[in-house]
């Protein structure tokens, strides 16, 4: 459900969202994915059609805090 979605922020803003520890993030700390699914770290990039319309997000998550590297983010973008 959207109550457990970090990707909704990526889709609505059409911008990347990179979070090392969602438990301390001012907006995401209360998201159901943190408490119910154990999502702690998140990196997401928007997926868009060739016309620039939002299609969704491609993301990676971790159950522990994580510093996302430049290489990690480049891989997601590719």
C-alpha atoms as a PDB file:
ATOM      1  CA  UNK A   1       0.000   0.000   0.000  1.00  0.00           C
ATOM      2  CA  UNK A   2       1.024   3.631  -0.428  1.00  0.00           C
ATOM      3  CA  UNK A   3       1.343   3.851   3.356  1.00  0.00           C
ATOM      4  CA  UNK A   4       4.392   1.581   2.984  1.00  0.00           C
ATOM      5  CA  UNK A   5       5.833   3.224  -0.132  1.00  0.00           C
ATOM      6  CA  UNK A   6       8.921   5.388  -0.381  1.00  0.00           C
ATOM      7  CA  UNK A   7       8.612   5.217  -4.170  1.00  0.00           C
ATOM      8  CA  UNK A   8       5.533   7.445  -4.067  1.00  0.00           C
ATOM      9  CA  UNK A   9       7.844  10.370  -3.202  1.00  0.00           C
ATOM     10  CA  UNK A  10      10.089   9.626  -6.179  1.00  0.00           C
ATOM     11  CA  UNK A  11       7.138   9.416  -8.567  1.00  0.00           C
ATOM     12  CA  UNK A  12       5.404  12.559  -7.324  1.00  0.00           C
ATOM     13  CA  UNK A  13       8.568  14.686  -7.238  1.00  0.00           C
ATOM     14  CA  UNK A  14      10.176  13.081 -10.320  1.00  0.00           C
ATOM     15  CA  UNK A  15      13.461  13.279  -8.411  1.00  0.00           C
ATOM     16  CA  UNK A  16      15.800  10.758  -6.855  1.00  0.00           C
ATOM     17  CA  UNK A  17      15.380   9.954  -3.186  1.00  0.00           C
ATOM     18  CA  UNK A  18      18.412   8.692  -1.309  1.00  0.00           C
ATOM     19  CA  UNK A  19      18.093   7.948   2.411  1.00  0.00           C
ATOM     20  CA  UNK A  20      20.805   6.378   4.554  1.00  0.00           C
ATOM     21  CA  UNK A  21      18.548   5.790   7.589  1.00  0.00           C
ATOM     22  CA  UNK A  22      14.796   6.278   7.225  1.00  0.00           C
ATOM     23  CA  UNK A  23      14.322   5.864  10.970  1.00  0.00           C
ATOM     24  CA  UNK A  24      15.769   9.365  11.423  1.00  0.00           C
ATOM     25  CA  UNK A  25      14.292  10.972   8.287  1.00  0.00           C
ATOM     26  CA  UNK A  26      11.750  13.712   9.167  1.00  0.00           C
ATOM     27  CA  UNK A  27       9.145  12.493   6.640  1.00  0.00           C
ATOM     28  CA  UNK A  28       9.855   8.777   6.214  1.00  0.00           C
ATOM     29  CA  UNK A  29      10.370   7.775   9.860  1.00  0.00           C
ATOM     30  CA  UNK A  30       6.611   7.300  10.268  1.00  0.00           C
ATOM     31  CA  UNK A  31       6.195   5.345   7.027  1.00  0.00           C
ATOM     32  CA  UNK A  32       4.793   1.832   7.487  1.00  0.00           C
ATOM     33  CA  UNK A  33       7.704   0.303   5.579  1.00  0.00           C
ATOM     34  CA  UNK A  34      10.068   1.233   8.404  1.00  0.00           C
ATOM     35  CA  UNK A  35       8.124  -0.409  11.237  1.00  0.00           C
ATOM     36  CA  UNK A  36       6.330  -3.197   9.390  1.00  0.00           C
ATOM     37  CA  UNK A  37       8.858  -4.212   6.728  1.00  0.00           C
ATOM     38  CA  UNK A  38      12.164  -3.192   8.298  1.00  0.00           C
ATOM     39  CA  UNK A  39      13.172  -0.831   5.508  1.00  0.00           C
ATOM     40  CA  UNK A  40      15.982   1.392   6.786  1.00  0.00           C
ATOM     41  CA  UNK A  41      18.016   2.541   3.779  1.00  0.00           C
ATOM     42  CA  UNK A  42      16.457   3.482   0.439  1.00  0.00           C
ATOM     43  CA  UNK A  43      17.717   4.737  -2.898  1.00  0.00           C
ATOM     44  CA  UNK A  44      15.200   5.320  -5.674  1.00  0.00           C
ATOM     45  CA  UNK A  45      15.281   6.882  -9.118  1.00  0.00           C
ATOM     46  CA  UNK A  46      12.283   7.902 -11.246  1.00  0.00           C
ATOM     47  CA  UNK A  47      11.280   5.910 -14.316  1.00  0.00           C
ATOM     48  CA  UNK A  48       9.823   8.030 -17.093  1.00  0.00           C
ATOM     49  CA  UNK A  49       8.406   7.419 -20.530  1.00  0.00           C
ATOM     50  CA  UNK A  50      10.173   8.862 -23.559  1.00  0.00           C
ATOM     51  CA  UNK A  51       7.661  11.720 -23.308  1.00  0.00           C
ATOM     52  CA  UNK A  52       8.757  12.416 -19.713  1.00  0.00           C
ATOM     53  CA  UNK A  53       5.634  11.001 -18.066  1.00  0.00           C
ATOM     54  CA  UNK A  54       6.205   9.303 -14.689  1.00  0.00           C
ATOM     55  CA  UNK A  55       5.899   5.512 -14.837  1.00  0.00           C
ATOM     56  CA  UNK A  56       7.212   4.563 -11.409  1.00  0.00           C
ATOM     57  CA  UNK A  57      10.468   4.191  -9.556  1.00  0.00           C
ATOM     58  CA  UNK A  58      13.387   1.791  -9.558  1.00  0.00           C
ATOM     59  CA  UNK A  59      14.859   1.344  -6.114  1.00  0.00           C
ATOM     60  CA  UNK A  60      17.134  -0.557  -3.790  1.00  0.00           C
ATOM     61  CA  UNK A  61      16.561  -1.019  -0.064  1.00  0.00           C
ATOM     62  CA  UNK A  62      18.521  -2.294   2.905  1.00  0.00           C
ATOM     63  CA  UNK A  63      17.469  -3.385   6.370  1.00  0.00           C
ATOM     64  CA  UNK A  64      20.332  -1.504   7.993  1.00  0.00           C
ATOM     65  CA  UNK A  65      21.743   2.013   7.567  1.00  0.00           C
ATOM     66  CA  UNK A  66      23.692   2.376   4.352  1.00  0.00           C
ATOM     67  CA  UNK A  67      25.741   5.101   2.751  1.00  0.00           C
ATOM     68  CA  UNK A  68      24.829   4.835  -0.937  1.00  0.00           C
ATOM     69  CA  UNK A  69      27.922   5.258  -3.075  1.00  0.00           C
ATOM     70  CA  UNK A  70      28.208   7.149  -6.330  1.00  0.00           C
ATOM     71  CA  UNK A  71      28.573   3.752  -8.014  1.00  0.00           C
ATOM     72  CA  UNK A  72      25.391   2.432  -6.334  1.00  0.00           C
ATOM     73  CA  UNK A  73      23.403   5.395  -7.655  1.00  0.00           C
ATOM     74  CA  UNK A  74      24.948   5.182 -11.116  1.00  0.00           C
ATOM     75  CA  UNK A  75      23.901   1.535 -11.278  1.00  0.00           C
ATOM     76  CA  UNK A  76      20.294   2.437 -10.403  1.00  0.00           C
ATOM     77  CA  UNK A  77      20.237   5.180 -13.014  1.00  0.00           C
ATOM     78  CA  UNK A  78      21.524   2.832 -15.709  1.00  0.00           C
END
